[in-house]
Amino acid sequence: MVITGVWYALALALAGVLTGYFTKVAWLGVPFYLLAVFCLWFFRDPDRVIPEGPVAVSPADGKVVSISKDPDGRTRLCIFLNVFDVHVNRSPIAGKIVKRTYRQGKFLVASRDEASSQNEQNTFVVEGDGASVEFSQIAGLIARRILWYKDTGDTVDKGERVGLIKFGSRVDLLFNADWKLAVTLGERVSAGSSIIAKRVK
């Protein structure tokens, strides 16, 4: 359980109690209690079995909504997270975070292609064992808060938790030619446990 969810739940539960107290109608607090339960569920953080070998794992739970090439010829893979997905983000590979950049931007619907270039986002570049992967936490229409636990210079394990995006959002990855995708458009993936690419060199 992410501690953020606990604080949201406590605040909502308190709002429910106060609503019932001041209105003298206890059931008016029920919507707040239901939202508190939803927050506890939404901010869940399950353990995952991390695959071994020269593979990259998904940094997020969600659906693969786009596969394309960027201007540099790298493969771009986009994963859309809806409000029912786990929103804890994980590192695709083991290595060192050689760069982390945060950029302010818009809050377009995260499933749209324009979100990759226009929305607020936080980008990591991880290098390890002669390979590198770039991935971005991207805010969406509802998701307007990106959290990160790791920064430039930190060492991470494959599948290690690196951050969180609150509510619906998107994660994009960029792979060089030494990676071959192992997922297809429309496929659902799970952070830390789904193999999304394999090393070819």
N, C-alpha and C. Protein backbone atom coordinates (compact mmCIF):
# COMPACT_ATOMS: atom_id res chain seq x y z
N MET A 1 0.83 -1.20 0.00
CA MET A 1 0.00 0.00 0.00
C MET A 1 0.88 1.26 0.00
N VAL A 2 0.62 2.15 -0.95
CA VAL A 2 1.35 3.41 -1.01
C VAL A 2 0.80 4.34 0.06
N ILE A 3 1.68 4.96 0.85
CA ILE A 3 1.26 5.79 1.98
C ILE A 3 0.35 6.94 1.54
N THR A 4 0.52 7.40 0.29
CA THR A 4 -0.33 8.47 -0.23
C THR A 4 -1.80 8.08 -0.15
N GLY A 5 -2.10 6.83 -0.47
CA GLY A 5 -3.48 6.36 -0.43
C GLY A 5 -4.06 6.39 0.96
N VAL A 6 -3.23 6.12 1.96
CA VAL A 6 -3.70 6.14 3.35
C VAL A 6 -4.12 7.56 3.75
N TRP A 7 -3.31 8.55 3.36
CA TRP A 7 -3.65 9.94 3.71
C TRP A 7 -4.93 10.39 3.02
N TYR A 8 -5.09 10.01 1.74
CA TYR A 8 -6.32 10.35 1.04
C TYR A 8 -7.52 9.70 1.75
N ALA A 9 -7.37 8.44 2.10
CA ALA A 9 -8.47 7.71 2.73
C ALA A 9 -8.83 8.31 4.09
N LEU A 10 -7.83 8.69 4.87
CA LEU A 10 -8.10 9.30 6.17
C LEU A 10 -8.83 10.63 6.03
N ALA A 11 -8.39 11.44 5.04
CA ALA A 11 -9.03 12.73 4.82
C ALA A 11 -10.49 12.56 4.40
N LEU A 12 -10.74 11.60 3.53
CA LEU A 12 -12.11 11.36 3.06
C LEU A 12 -12.98 10.80 4.18
N ALA A 13 -12.42 9.89 4.98
CA ALA A 13 -13.18 9.33 6.09
C ALA A 13 -13.54 10.43 7.10
N LEU A 14 -12.59 11.32 7.36
CA LEU A 14 -12.87 12.44 8.26
C LEU A 14 -13.97 13.34 7.69
N ALA A 15 -13.92 13.58 6.38
CA ALA A 15 -14.95 14.39 5.73
C ALA A 15 -16.32 13.73 5.90
N GLY A 16 -16.34 12.38 5.81
CA GLY A 16 -17.60 11.66 6.00
C GLY A 16 -18.15 11.81 7.40
N VAL A 17 -17.25 11.70 8.37
CA VAL A 17 -17.67 11.85 9.78
C VAL A 17 -18.21 13.25 10.04
N LEU A 18 -17.48 14.26 9.56
CA LEU A 18 -17.90 15.65 9.78
C LEU A 18 -19.22 15.96 9.07
N THR A 19 -19.39 15.40 7.88
CA THR A 19 -20.64 15.61 7.14
C THR A 19 -21.82 15.05 7.92
N GLY A 20 -21.65 13.83 8.42
CA GLY A 20 -22.72 13.22 9.20
C GLY A 20 -22.99 13.97 10.49
N TYR A 21 -21.91 14.45 11.11
CA TYR A 21 -22.05 15.16 12.39
C TYR A 21 -22.78 16.49 12.23
N PHE A 22 -22.37 17.30 11.26
CA PHE A 22 -22.94 18.64 11.12
C PHE A 22 -24.32 18.64 10.47
N THR A 23 -24.61 17.63 9.65
CA THR A 23 -25.94 17.57 9.02
C THR A 23 -26.93 16.77 9.86
N LYS A 24 -26.41 16.04 10.83
CA LYS A 24 -27.23 15.15 11.66
C LYS A 24 -27.87 14.02 10.84
N VAL A 25 -27.32 13.80 9.64
CA VAL A 25 -27.79 12.72 8.77
C VAL A 25 -26.58 11.83 8.44
N ALA A 26 -26.47 10.74 9.16
CA ALA A 26 -25.26 9.91 9.08
C ALA A 26 -24.98 9.39 7.67
N TRP A 27 -26.04 9.03 6.93
CA TRP A 27 -25.82 8.40 5.64
C TRP A 27 -25.21 9.36 4.59
N LEU A 28 -25.27 10.66 4.85
CA LEU A 28 -24.67 11.60 3.92
C LEU A 28 -23.14 11.47 3.87
N GLY A 29 -22.57 10.82 4.87
CA GLY A 29 -21.13 10.60 4.87
C GLY A 29 -20.70 9.38 4.07
N VAL A 30 -21.68 8.55 3.66
CA VAL A 30 -21.37 7.30 2.95
C VAL A 30 -20.54 7.51 1.69
N PRO A 31 -20.87 8.50 0.82
CA PRO A 31 -20.05 8.69 -0.39
C PRO A 31 -18.56 8.93 -0.07
N PHE A 32 -18.30 9.65 1.01
CA PHE A 32 -16.91 9.89 1.41
C PHE A 32 -16.22 8.60 1.85
N TYR A 33 -16.98 7.74 2.56
CA TYR A 33 -16.41 6.47 3.00
C TYR A 33 -16.10 5.57 1.80
N LEU A 34 -16.99 5.59 0.80
CA LEU A 34 -16.77 4.78 -0.40
C LEU A 34 -15.54 5.27 -1.16
N LEU A 35 -15.39 6.58 -1.24
CA LEU A 35 -14.20 7.14 -1.90
C LEU A 35 -12.93 6.80 -1.12
N ALA A 36 -13.03 6.75 0.19
CA ALA A 36 -11.87 6.38 1.02
C ALA A 36 -11.44 4.95 0.72
N VAL A 37 -12.42 4.05 0.60
CA VAL A 37 -12.12 2.65 0.28
C VAL A 37 -11.49 2.56 -1.12
N PHE A 38 -12.04 3.34 -2.07
CA PHE A 38 -11.50 3.34 -3.42
C PHE A 38 -10.04 3.79 -3.43
N CYS A 39 -9.70 4.82 -2.66
CA CYS A 39 -8.32 5.30 -2.61
C CYS A 39 -7.37 4.24 -2.06
N LEU A 40 -7.81 3.52 -1.03
CA LEU A 40 -6.98 2.45 -0.48
C LEU A 40 -6.72 1.38 -1.54
N TRP A 41 -7.76 1.09 -2.32
CA TRP A 41 -7.62 0.08 -3.37
C TRP A 41 -6.78 0.61 -4.52
N PHE A 42 -7.01 1.86 -4.92
CA PHE A 42 -6.30 2.44 -6.05
C PHE A 42 -4.80 2.51 -5.80
N PHE A 43 -4.41 2.87 -4.60
CA PHE A 43 -2.98 3.02 -4.29
C PHE A 43 -2.36 1.72 -3.80
N ARG A 44 -2.90 0.61 -4.22
CA ARG A 44 -2.31 -0.69 -3.87
C ARG A 44 -0.95 -0.83 -4.55
N ASP A 45 -0.10 -1.67 -3.98
CA ASP A 45 1.26 -1.83 -4.49
C ASP A 45 1.67 -3.29 -4.34
N PRO A 46 1.16 -4.16 -5.20
CA PRO A 46 1.43 -5.60 -5.05
C PRO A 46 2.87 -5.96 -5.40
N ASP A 47 3.38 -7.00 -4.77
CA ASP A 47 4.69 -7.52 -5.12
C ASP A 47 4.59 -8.24 -6.47
N ARG A 48 5.68 -8.26 -7.20
CA ARG A 48 5.70 -8.90 -8.51
C ARG A 48 6.92 -9.81 -8.62
N VAL A 49 6.79 -10.88 -9.42
CA VAL A 49 7.91 -11.76 -9.71
C VAL A 49 8.64 -11.18 -10.92
N ILE A 50 9.91 -10.82 -10.74
CA ILE A 50 10.68 -10.15 -11.78
C ILE A 50 11.41 -11.18 -12.65
N PRO A 51 11.18 -11.20 -13.96
CA PRO A 51 11.86 -12.15 -14.84
C PRO A 51 13.36 -11.91 -14.88
N GLU A 52 14.12 -12.98 -15.03
CA GLU A 52 15.57 -12.87 -15.14
C GLU A 52 15.98 -12.86 -16.60
N GLY A 53 17.27 -12.61 -16.85
CA GLY A 53 17.81 -12.66 -18.19
C GLY A 53 17.86 -11.29 -18.87
N PRO A 54 18.33 -11.25 -20.12
CA PRO A 54 18.49 -9.99 -20.87
C PRO A 54 17.18 -9.48 -21.44
N VAL A 55 16.29 -9.10 -20.54
CA VAL A 55 14.97 -8.63 -20.96
C VAL A 55 14.65 -7.32 -20.24
N ALA A 56 13.73 -6.57 -20.83
CA ALA A 56 13.20 -5.37 -20.19
C ALA A 56 11.77 -5.65 -19.78
N VAL A 57 11.41 -5.23 -18.57
CA VAL A 57 10.06 -5.47 -18.08
C VAL A 57 9.24 -4.18 -18.18
N SER A 58 7.95 -4.34 -18.13
CA SER A 58 7.08 -3.17 -18.23
C SER A 58 7.25 -2.27 -17.01
N PRO A 59 7.33 -0.96 -17.22
CA PRO A 59 7.42 -0.04 -16.09
C PRO A 59 6.07 0.29 -15.49
N ALA A 60 5.00 -0.20 -16.12
CA ALA A 60 3.65 0.17 -15.66
C ALA A 60 2.63 -0.90 -16.00
N ASP A 61 1.57 -0.95 -15.21
CA ASP A 61 0.40 -1.75 -15.57
C ASP A 61 -0.39 -0.97 -16.61
N GLY A 62 -1.02 -1.66 -17.54
CA GLY A 62 -1.85 -0.95 -18.51
C GLY A 62 -1.93 -1.66 -19.84
N LYS A 63 -2.34 -0.89 -20.85
CA LYS A 63 -2.56 -1.40 -22.20
C LYS A 63 -1.61 -0.72 -23.17
N VAL A 64 -1.00 -1.51 -24.05
CA VAL A 64 -0.12 -0.95 -25.09
C VAL A 64 -1.01 -0.27 -26.13
N VAL A 65 -0.93 1.06 -26.20
CA VAL A 65 -1.83 1.81 -27.09
C VAL A 65 -1.13 2.34 -28.33
N SER A 66 0.20 2.26 -28.36
CA SER A 66 0.91 2.78 -29.53
C SER A 66 2.31 2.19 -29.62
N ILE A 67 2.70 1.84 -30.84
CA ILE A 67 4.06 1.40 -31.15
C ILE A 67 4.48 2.16 -32.40
N SER A 68 5.59 2.91 -32.31
CA SER A 68 5.98 3.73 -33.45
C SER A 68 7.49 3.98 -33.41
N LYS A 69 7.98 4.78 -34.34
CA LYS A 69 9.38 5.19 -34.37
C LYS A 69 9.48 6.67 -34.05
N ASP A 70 10.49 7.05 -33.26
CA ASP A 70 10.70 8.47 -32.99
C ASP A 70 11.63 9.05 -34.08
N PRO A 71 11.86 10.35 -34.11
CA PRO A 71 12.70 10.94 -35.15
C PRO A 71 14.12 10.38 -35.22
N ASP A 72 14.62 9.80 -34.13
CA ASP A 72 15.96 9.22 -34.11
C ASP A 72 15.98 7.75 -34.50
N GLY A 73 14.82 7.21 -34.86
CA GLY A 73 14.75 5.81 -35.28
C GLY A 73 14.56 4.83 -34.15
N ARG A 74 14.41 5.32 -32.94
CA ARG A 74 14.17 4.44 -31.81
C ARG A 74 12.71 3.98 -31.79
N THR A 75 12.47 2.83 -31.20
CA THR A 75 11.10 2.31 -31.09
C THR A 75 10.43 2.90 -29.86
N ARG A 76 9.28 3.52 -30.08
CA ARG A 76 8.52 4.09 -28.97
C ARG A 76 7.34 3.16 -28.64
N LEU A 77 7.25 2.79 -27.38
CA LEU A 77 6.15 1.95 -26.89
C LEU A 77 5.39 2.74 -25.84
N CYS A 78 4.08 2.85 -26.01
CA CYS A 78 3.26 3.66 -25.11
C CYS A 78 2.25 2.78 -24.37
N ILE A 79 2.22 2.94 -23.05
CA ILE A 79 1.32 2.16 -22.19
C ILE A 79 0.35 3.12 -21.50
N PHE A 80 -0.94 2.88 -21.67
CA PHE A 80 -1.95 3.73 -21.05
C PHE A 80 -2.49 3.04 -19.79
N LEU A 81 -2.52 3.81 -18.69
CA LEU A 81 -3.04 3.31 -17.41
C LEU A 81 -4.39 3.96 -17.15
N ASN A 82 -5.42 3.15 -16.93
CA ASN A 82 -6.70 3.72 -16.54
C ASN A 82 -6.80 3.74 -15.01
N VAL A 83 -7.90 4.24 -14.48
CA VAL A 83 -8.01 4.41 -13.03
C VAL A 83 -8.09 3.09 -12.28
N PHE A 84 -8.25 1.98 -13.00
CA PHE A 84 -8.34 0.68 -12.34
C PHE A 84 -7.00 -0.05 -12.29
N ASP A 85 -5.98 0.50 -12.96
CA ASP A 85 -4.66 -0.13 -12.96
C ASP A 85 -3.85 0.27 -11.74
N VAL A 86 -2.86 -0.56 -11.39
CA VAL A 86 -1.87 -0.18 -10.38
C VAL A 86 -1.02 0.93 -10.99
N HIS A 87 -0.78 2.00 -10.22
CA HIS A 87 -0.07 3.15 -10.77
C HIS A 87 1.35 3.32 -10.25
N VAL A 88 1.89 2.33 -9.57
CA VAL A 88 3.29 2.34 -9.16
C VAL A 88 4.15 2.00 -10.37
N ASN A 89 5.19 2.78 -10.63
CA ASN A 89 6.06 2.58 -11.78
C ASN A 89 7.37 1.91 -11.37
N ARG A 90 7.90 1.08 -12.26
CA ARG A 90 9.11 0.31 -11.98
C ARG A 90 10.14 0.47 -13.10
N SER A 91 11.39 0.23 -12.76
CA SER A 91 12.46 0.34 -13.75
C SER A 91 12.43 -0.86 -14.71
N PRO A 92 12.51 -0.61 -16.02
CA PRO A 92 12.48 -1.72 -16.99
C PRO A 92 13.72 -2.61 -16.94
N ILE A 93 14.87 -2.02 -16.60
CA ILE A 93 16.12 -2.78 -16.55
C ILE A 93 16.91 -2.39 -15.30
N ALA A 94 17.90 -3.21 -15.00
CA ALA A 94 18.80 -2.88 -13.89
C ALA A 94 19.90 -1.97 -14.40
N GLY A 95 20.36 -1.08 -13.56
CA GLY A 95 21.45 -0.20 -13.97
C GLY A 95 21.49 1.08 -13.17
N LYS A 96 22.08 2.08 -13.77
CA LYS A 96 22.23 3.38 -13.12
C LYS A 96 21.38 4.41 -13.86
N ILE A 97 20.70 5.24 -13.10
CA ILE A 97 19.93 6.33 -13.70
C ILE A 97 20.93 7.43 -14.07
N VAL A 98 21.20 7.56 -15.36
CA VAL A 98 22.20 8.53 -15.81
C VAL A 98 21.58 9.90 -16.10
N LYS A 99 20.26 9.93 -16.16
CA LYS A 99 19.59 11.21 -16.40
C LYS A 99 18.13 11.14 -15.96
N ARG A 100 17.70 12.20 -15.30
CA ARG A 100 16.27 12.32 -14.98
C ARG A 100 15.88 13.78 -15.20
N THR A 101 14.84 13.98 -16.00
CA THR A 101 14.40 15.34 -16.30
C THR A 101 12.90 15.46 -16.11
N TYR A 102 12.48 16.58 -15.54
CA TYR A 102 11.05 16.86 -15.36
C TYR A 102 10.68 18.03 -16.26
N ARG A 103 9.53 17.91 -16.93
CA ARG A 103 9.09 18.96 -17.83
C ARG A 103 7.62 19.26 -17.60
N GLN A 104 7.30 20.52 -17.39
CA GLN A 104 5.91 20.92 -17.26
C GLN A 104 5.25 20.87 -18.63
N GLY A 105 3.92 20.75 -18.62
CA GLY A 105 3.21 20.68 -19.89
C GLY A 105 1.71 20.66 -19.71
N LYS A 106 1.02 20.19 -20.73
CA LYS A 106 -0.44 20.14 -20.72
C LYS A 106 -0.93 18.89 -20.01
N PHE A 107 -2.25 18.77 -19.92
CA PHE A 107 -2.88 17.60 -19.30
C PHE A 107 -3.92 17.04 -20.27
N LEU A 108 -3.45 16.70 -21.48
CA LEU A 108 -4.33 16.10 -22.47
C LEU A 108 -4.69 14.68 -22.04
N VAL A 109 -5.73 14.11 -22.64
CA VAL A 109 -6.08 12.72 -22.36
C VAL A 109 -4.87 11.85 -22.67
N ALA A 110 -4.45 11.03 -21.70
CA ALA A 110 -3.17 10.33 -21.80
C ALA A 110 -3.12 9.30 -22.91
N SER A 111 -4.26 8.84 -23.41
CA SER A 111 -4.26 7.84 -24.48
C SER A 111 -4.00 8.45 -25.85
N ARG A 112 -4.03 9.78 -25.96
CA ARG A 112 -3.78 10.44 -27.24
C ARG A 112 -2.29 10.52 -27.53
N ASP A 113 -1.93 10.41 -28.82
CA ASP A 113 -0.52 10.45 -29.21
C ASP A 113 0.15 11.76 -28.81
N GLU A 114 -0.61 12.86 -28.85
CA GLU A 114 -0.04 14.17 -28.52
C GLU A 114 0.47 14.24 -27.08
N ALA A 115 -0.04 13.37 -26.22
CA ALA A 115 0.37 13.39 -24.81
C ALA A 115 1.86 13.13 -24.65
N SER A 116 2.45 12.34 -25.55
CA SER A 116 3.87 12.02 -25.46
C SER A 116 4.75 13.25 -25.56
N SER A 117 4.33 14.21 -26.38
CA SER A 117 5.17 15.38 -26.60
C SER A 117 4.70 16.63 -25.87
N GLN A 118 3.41 16.68 -25.48
CA GLN A 118 2.86 17.92 -24.94
C GLN A 118 2.54 17.88 -23.44
N ASN A 119 2.33 16.68 -22.88
CA ASN A 119 1.91 16.62 -21.48
C ASN A 119 3.07 16.76 -20.50
N GLU A 120 2.71 17.13 -19.27
CA GLU A 120 3.69 17.16 -18.19
C GLU A 120 4.28 15.76 -18.01
N GLN A 121 5.61 15.69 -17.80
CA GLN A 121 6.22 14.37 -17.71
C GLN A 121 7.57 14.38 -16.98
N ASN A 122 7.92 13.20 -16.51
CA ASN A 122 9.20 12.98 -15.84
C ASN A 122 9.89 11.83 -16.55
N THR A 123 11.11 12.05 -17.02
CA THR A 123 11.80 11.07 -17.86
C THR A 123 13.07 10.54 -17.20
N PHE A 124 13.22 9.20 -17.23
CA PHE A 124 14.42 8.53 -16.73
C PHE A 124 15.19 7.93 -17.90
N VAL A 125 16.51 7.93 -17.81
CA VAL A 125 17.35 7.15 -18.71
C VAL A 125 18.19 6.22 -17.83
N VAL A 126 18.00 4.91 -18.02
CA VAL A 126 18.72 3.91 -17.21
C VAL A 126 19.70 3.17 -18.11
N GLU A 127 20.95 3.06 -17.66
CA GLU A 127 21.98 2.33 -18.38
C GLU A 127 22.52 1.21 -17.51
N GLY A 128 22.68 0.03 -18.12
CA GLY A 128 23.21 -1.10 -17.37
C GLY A 128 23.54 -2.26 -18.28
N ASP A 129 24.66 -2.93 -18.04
CA ASP A 129 25.09 -4.10 -18.79
C ASP A 129 25.16 -3.78 -20.29
N GLY A 130 25.64 -2.59 -20.62
CA GLY A 130 25.84 -2.24 -22.02
C GLY A 130 24.58 -1.84 -22.76
N ALA A 131 23.47 -1.70 -22.05
CA ALA A 131 22.21 -1.32 -22.68
C ALA A 131 21.62 -0.11 -21.98
N SER A 132 20.69 0.53 -22.65
CA SER A 132 20.00 1.65 -22.02
C SER A 132 18.53 1.65 -22.45
N VAL A 133 17.69 2.19 -21.58
CA VAL A 133 16.26 2.35 -21.87
C VAL A 133 15.83 3.71 -21.32
N GLU A 134 15.07 4.43 -22.11
CA GLU A 134 14.50 5.70 -21.66
C GLU A 134 13.01 5.52 -21.47
N PHE A 135 12.49 6.00 -20.35
CA PHE A 135 11.04 5.90 -20.14
C PHE A 135 10.53 7.12 -19.40
N SER A 136 9.28 7.48 -19.68
CA SER A 136 8.70 8.70 -19.14
C SER A 136 7.38 8.44 -18.43
N GLN A 137 7.24 9.03 -17.26
CA GLN A 137 5.96 9.08 -16.56
C GLN A 137 5.23 10.31 -17.10
N ILE A 138 4.04 10.11 -17.65
CA ILE A 138 3.33 11.20 -18.30
C ILE A 138 1.98 11.42 -17.65
N ALA A 139 1.72 12.65 -17.24
CA ALA A 139 0.44 12.99 -16.61
C ALA A 139 -0.68 12.96 -17.65
N GLY A 140 -1.93 12.83 -17.17
CA GLY A 140 -3.07 12.79 -18.07
C GLY A 140 -4.11 13.82 -17.70
N LEU A 141 -5.31 13.63 -18.20
CA LEU A 141 -6.40 14.56 -17.96
C LEU A 141 -6.73 14.66 -16.47
N ILE A 142 -6.76 13.51 -15.79
CA ILE A 142 -7.07 13.47 -14.36
C ILE A 142 -5.79 13.42 -13.54
N ALA A 143 -4.80 12.69 -14.05
CA ALA A 143 -3.53 12.56 -13.33
C ALA A 143 -2.73 13.84 -13.45
N ARG A 144 -2.59 14.58 -12.37
CA ARG A 144 -1.86 15.84 -12.42
C ARG A 144 -0.76 15.89 -11.37
N ARG A 145 -0.32 14.73 -10.95
CA ARG A 145 0.74 14.68 -9.95
C ARG A 145 1.64 13.49 -10.22
N ILE A 146 2.88 13.76 -10.58
CA ILE A 146 3.87 12.72 -10.83
C ILE A 146 4.84 12.69 -9.65
N LEU A 147 5.05 11.51 -9.10
CA LEU A 147 6.00 11.34 -8.01
C LEU A 147 7.14 10.45 -8.48
N TRP A 148 8.37 10.73 -8.03
CA TRP A 148 9.49 9.84 -8.32
C TRP A 148 10.28 9.63 -7.05
N TYR A 149 10.76 8.37 -6.88
CA TYR A 149 11.51 7.99 -5.69
C TYR A 149 13.01 7.95 -5.96
N LYS A 150 13.39 7.91 -7.23
CA LYS A 150 14.80 7.78 -7.61
C LYS A 150 15.22 9.00 -8.44
N ASP A 151 16.54 9.23 -8.48
CA ASP A 151 17.03 10.40 -9.21
C ASP A 151 18.36 10.07 -9.89
N THR A 152 18.88 11.03 -10.63
CA THR A 152 20.14 10.85 -11.36
C THR A 152 21.25 10.38 -10.41
N GLY A 153 21.95 9.33 -10.83
CA GLY A 153 23.03 8.78 -10.03
C GLY A 153 22.63 7.57 -9.21
N ASP A 154 21.33 7.35 -9.02
CA ASP A 154 20.87 6.19 -8.25
C ASP A 154 21.00 4.91 -9.07
N THR A 155 21.28 3.81 -8.39
CA THR A 155 21.31 2.49 -9.01
C THR A 155 20.00 1.78 -8.72
N VAL A 156 19.43 1.14 -9.73
CA VAL A 156 18.15 0.46 -9.57
C VAL A 156 18.24 -0.97 -10.08
N ASP A 157 17.44 -1.84 -9.48
CA ASP A 157 17.30 -3.20 -9.97
C ASP A 157 16.19 -3.26 -11.00
N LYS A 158 16.21 -4.28 -11.81
CA LYS A 158 15.12 -4.46 -12.76
C LYS A 158 13.82 -4.71 -11.98
N GLY A 159 12.79 -3.96 -12.33
CA GLY A 159 11.51 -4.11 -11.64
C GLY A 159 11.41 -3.34 -10.33
N GLU A 160 12.47 -2.60 -9.97
CA GLU A 160 12.42 -1.83 -8.72
C GLU A 160 11.48 -0.63 -8.86
N ARG A 161 10.76 -0.32 -7.79
CA ARG A 161 9.84 0.81 -7.80
C ARG A 161 10.61 2.12 -7.92
N VAL A 162 10.19 2.97 -8.87
CA VAL A 162 10.88 4.24 -9.08
C VAL A 162 9.95 5.45 -8.96
N GLY A 163 8.64 5.22 -8.93
CA GLY A 163 7.73 6.36 -8.85
C GLY A 163 6.28 5.97 -8.92
N LEU A 164 5.45 6.99 -9.07
CA LEU A 164 4.00 6.81 -9.05
C LEU A 164 3.35 7.97 -9.81
N ILE A 165 2.30 7.65 -10.56
CA ILE A 165 1.49 8.69 -11.18
C ILE A 165 0.09 8.57 -10.60
N LYS A 166 -0.41 9.65 -10.05
CA LYS A 166 -1.73 9.59 -9.40
C LYS A 166 -2.85 9.61 -10.42
N PHE A 167 -3.66 8.57 -10.40
CA PHE A 167 -4.84 8.42 -11.25
C PHE A 167 -4.46 8.25 -12.72
N GLY A 168 -5.41 8.21 -13.64
CA GLY A 168 -5.16 7.81 -15.03
C GLY A 168 -3.95 8.48 -15.65
N SER A 169 -3.14 7.76 -16.40
CA SER A 169 -1.89 8.32 -16.90
C SER A 169 -1.30 7.46 -18.00
N ARG A 170 -0.01 7.69 -18.29
CA ARG A 170 0.65 7.02 -19.41
C ARG A 170 2.15 6.90 -19.13
N VAL A 171 2.75 5.83 -19.63
CA VAL A 171 4.21 5.66 -19.57
C VAL A 171 4.70 5.32 -20.97
N ASP A 172 5.67 6.07 -21.46
CA ASP A 172 6.29 5.82 -22.76
C ASP A 172 7.70 5.30 -22.58
N LEU A 173 8.11 4.39 -23.47
CA LEU A 173 9.48 3.88 -23.45
C LEU A 173 10.10 4.07 -24.82
N LEU A 174 11.42 4.28 -24.84
CA LEU A 174 12.17 4.38 -26.08
C LEU A 174 13.28 3.33 -26.07
N PHE A 175 13.30 2.48 -27.11
CA PHE A 175 14.29 1.42 -27.21
C PHE A 175 15.19 1.64 -28.42
N ASN A 176 16.50 1.43 -28.23
CA ASN A 176 17.45 1.46 -29.33
C ASN A 176 17.35 0.18 -30.14
N ALA A 177 18.17 0.08 -31.20
CA ALA A 177 18.11 -1.06 -32.10
C ALA A 177 18.52 -2.38 -31.46
N ASP A 178 19.17 -2.33 -30.29
CA ASP A 178 19.61 -3.57 -29.66
C ASP A 178 18.52 -4.22 -28.82
N TRP A 179 17.29 -3.71 -28.97
CA TRP A 179 16.14 -4.31 -28.28
C TRP A 179 15.09 -4.73 -29.31
N LYS A 180 14.44 -5.85 -29.07
CA LYS A 180 13.33 -6.31 -29.90
C LYS A 180 12.08 -6.42 -29.03
N LEU A 181 11.01 -5.78 -29.45
CA LEU A 181 9.78 -5.79 -28.65
C LEU A 181 9.22 -7.21 -28.51
N ALA A 182 8.65 -7.47 -27.35
CA ALA A 182 8.05 -8.78 -27.07
C ALA A 182 6.56 -8.66 -26.81
N VAL A 183 5.98 -7.49 -27.09
CA VAL A 183 4.55 -7.27 -26.90
C VAL A 183 3.97 -6.70 -28.19
N THR A 184 2.65 -6.74 -28.30
CA THR A 184 1.96 -6.24 -29.48
C THR A 184 0.95 -5.17 -29.10
N LEU A 185 0.51 -4.43 -30.09
CA LEU A 185 -0.48 -3.38 -29.88
C LEU A 185 -1.76 -3.96 -29.29
N GLY A 186 -2.26 -3.31 -28.25
CA GLY A 186 -3.50 -3.75 -27.61
C GLY A 186 -3.30 -4.72 -26.46
N GLU A 187 -2.07 -5.20 -26.27
CA GLU A 187 -1.77 -6.17 -25.21
C GLU A 187 -1.74 -5.47 -23.85
N ARG A 188 -2.21 -6.17 -22.82
CA ARG A 188 -2.14 -5.64 -21.46
C ARG A 188 -0.87 -6.17 -20.79
N VAL A 189 -0.22 -5.30 -20.02
CA VAL A 189 1.04 -5.64 -19.37
C VAL A 189 0.98 -5.29 -17.89
N SER A 190 1.86 -5.90 -17.13
CA SER A 190 1.93 -5.66 -15.69
C SER A 190 3.34 -5.19 -15.32
N ALA A 191 3.41 -4.15 -14.50
CA ALA A 191 4.69 -3.57 -14.12
C ALA A 191 5.57 -4.59 -13.40
N GLY A 192 6.81 -4.70 -13.86
CA GLY A 192 7.77 -5.56 -13.19
C GLY A 192 7.74 -7.01 -13.59
N SER A 193 6.61 -7.51 -14.07
CA SER A 193 6.50 -8.94 -14.36
C SER A 193 6.31 -9.26 -15.84
N SER A 194 5.81 -8.33 -16.63
CA SER A 194 5.62 -8.57 -18.06
C SER A 194 6.89 -8.21 -18.84
N ILE A 195 7.39 -9.14 -19.65
CA ILE A 195 8.53 -8.86 -20.51
C ILE A 195 8.03 -8.08 -21.72
N ILE A 196 8.60 -6.89 -21.95
CA ILE A 196 8.15 -6.10 -23.08
C ILE A 196 9.20 -6.01 -24.19
N ALA A 197 10.44 -6.36 -23.90
CA ALA A 197 11.49 -6.34 -24.93
C ALA A 197 12.63 -7.28 -24.53
N LYS A 198 13.35 -7.76 -25.55
CA LYS A 198 14.49 -8.66 -25.32
C LYS A 198 15.72 -8.11 -26.04
N ARG A 199 16.89 -8.32 -25.41
CA ARG A 199 18.14 -7.87 -26.01
C ARG A 199 18.44 -8.73 -27.24
N VAL A 200 18.90 -8.09 -28.32
CA VAL A 200 19.23 -8.83 -29.54
C VAL A 200 20.72 -8.72 -29.88
N LYS A 201 21.45 -7.89 -29.13
CA LYS A 201 22.88 -7.73 -29.35
C LYS A 201 23.63 -7.83 -28.05
